[in-house]
Amino acid sequence: MLRVMCRTHLLFHRRVSGTNRLYRILSENSYGVYIFHLPILVVYQYALDGIELGPFAKFILAAILGVVTSYALTYVLRRFAVMRKVI
């Protein structure tokens, strides 16, 4: 079992350890996502309150929308020089 885990780790490390444009964008925007994700998730949770879905479905939907919205908001705000210095 340990051998399989080590080989999987090495394969993953060789494939993903490099940097590309997507990883760079995600990395540059991570602090802004950290700041904005909580208020955005609260808004989505209140918005999903009246919808007839199970709690797990609401959780998944809010999580996906929250992550995407947080990264999009941070990406747009970082285009302004003043905001780039802050986030």
Protein backbone atom coordinates (compact mmCIF):
# COMPACT_ATOMS: atom_id res chain seq x y z
CA MET A 1 0.00 0.00 0.00
CA LEU A 2 2.81 2.38 0.88
CA ARG A 3 4.47 1.67 -2.45
CA VAL A 4 1.28 2.66 -4.34
CA MET A 5 0.97 5.86 -2.31
CA CYS A 6 4.60 6.81 -2.99
CA ARG A 7 4.29 6.17 -6.71
CA THR A 8 1.05 8.12 -6.89
CA HIS A 9 2.69 11.02 -5.06
CA LEU A 10 5.69 11.00 -7.41
CA LEU A 11 3.46 10.87 -10.48
CA PHE A 12 1.32 13.72 -9.17
CA HIS A 13 4.41 15.75 -8.24
CA ARG A 14 5.93 15.35 -11.69
CA ARG A 15 2.72 16.32 -13.47
CA VAL A 16 1.52 19.18 -11.30
CA SER A 17 4.61 20.67 -9.67
CA GLY A 18 5.27 23.09 -12.49
CA THR A 19 3.68 26.48 -12.75
CA ASN A 20 1.33 27.48 -15.49
CA ARG A 21 -0.97 30.43 -16.08
CA LEU A 22 -3.91 28.94 -14.15
CA TYR A 23 -1.84 28.18 -11.04
CA ARG A 24 -0.28 31.63 -11.16
CA ILE A 25 -3.71 33.34 -11.36
CA LEU A 26 -5.09 31.21 -8.53
CA SER A 27 -2.04 31.95 -6.40
CA GLU A 28 -2.12 35.70 -7.03
CA ASN A 29 -5.79 35.90 -6.09
CA SER A 30 -5.78 33.61 -3.05
CA TYR A 31 -5.57 36.38 -0.42
CA GLY A 32 -8.55 38.20 -1.93
CA VAL A 33 -10.51 34.95 -1.96
CA TYR A 34 -9.63 34.50 1.71
CA ILE A 35 -11.05 37.96 2.46
CA PHE A 36 -14.20 37.79 0.32
CA HIS A 37 -15.30 34.18 0.59
CA LEU A 38 -17.13 34.44 3.92
CA PRO A 39 -19.46 37.35 3.02
CA ILE A 40 -20.12 35.81 -0.37
CA LEU A 41 -21.01 32.45 1.18
CA VAL A 42 -23.37 34.12 3.65
CA VAL A 43 -25.16 35.89 0.79
CA TYR A 44 -25.50 32.62 -1.14
CA GLN A 45 -26.76 30.77 1.93
CA TYR A 46 -29.49 33.35 2.49
CA ALA A 47 -30.35 33.30 -1.21
CA LEU A 48 -30.67 29.50 -1.16
CA ASP A 49 -32.78 29.51 2.00
CA GLY A 50 -36.12 29.67 0.17
CA ILE A 51 -35.24 27.04 -2.44
CA GLU A 52 -36.51 23.49 -2.02
CA LEU A 53 -33.26 21.52 -2.04
CA GLY A 54 -31.68 19.16 0.40
CA PRO A 55 -29.06 20.52 2.79
CA PHE A 56 -26.21 18.70 1.03
CA ALA A 57 -27.27 20.04 -2.38
CA LYS A 58 -27.44 23.57 -0.95
CA PHE A 59 -23.99 23.13 0.59
CA ILE A 60 -22.46 21.96 -2.71
CA LEU A 61 -24.18 24.71 -4.69
CA ALA A 62 -23.16 27.44 -2.23
CA ALA A 63 -19.58 26.12 -2.10
CA ILE A 64 -19.15 26.02 -5.87
CA LEU A 65 -20.78 29.40 -6.40
CA GLY A 66 -18.82 30.89 -3.51
CA VAL A 67 -15.44 29.76 -4.80
CA VAL A 68 -16.12 30.84 -8.36
CA THR A 69 -17.56 34.21 -7.31
CA SER A 70 -14.71 34.87 -4.85
CA TYR A 71 -12.04 34.22 -7.46
CA ALA A 72 -13.91 36.22 -10.11
CA LEU A 73 -14.41 39.21 -7.79
CA THR A 74 -10.79 39.17 -6.68
CA TYR A 75 -9.55 38.83 -10.26
CA VAL A 76 -11.62 41.83 -11.38
CA LEU A 77 -10.66 43.98 -8.37
CA ARG A 78 -6.95 43.23 -8.82
CA ARG A 79 -7.08 44.84 -12.26
CA PHE A 80 -7.15 48.23 -10.47
CA ALA A 81 -3.68 49.31 -9.35
CA VAL A 82 -4.91 50.54 -5.97
CA MET A 83 -6.60 47.23 -5.16
CA ARG A 84 -3.61 45.20 -6.39
CA LYS A 85 -1.56 46.73 -3.58
CA VAL A 86 -4.16 45.76 -0.97
CA ILE A 87 -5.23 42.32 -2.14
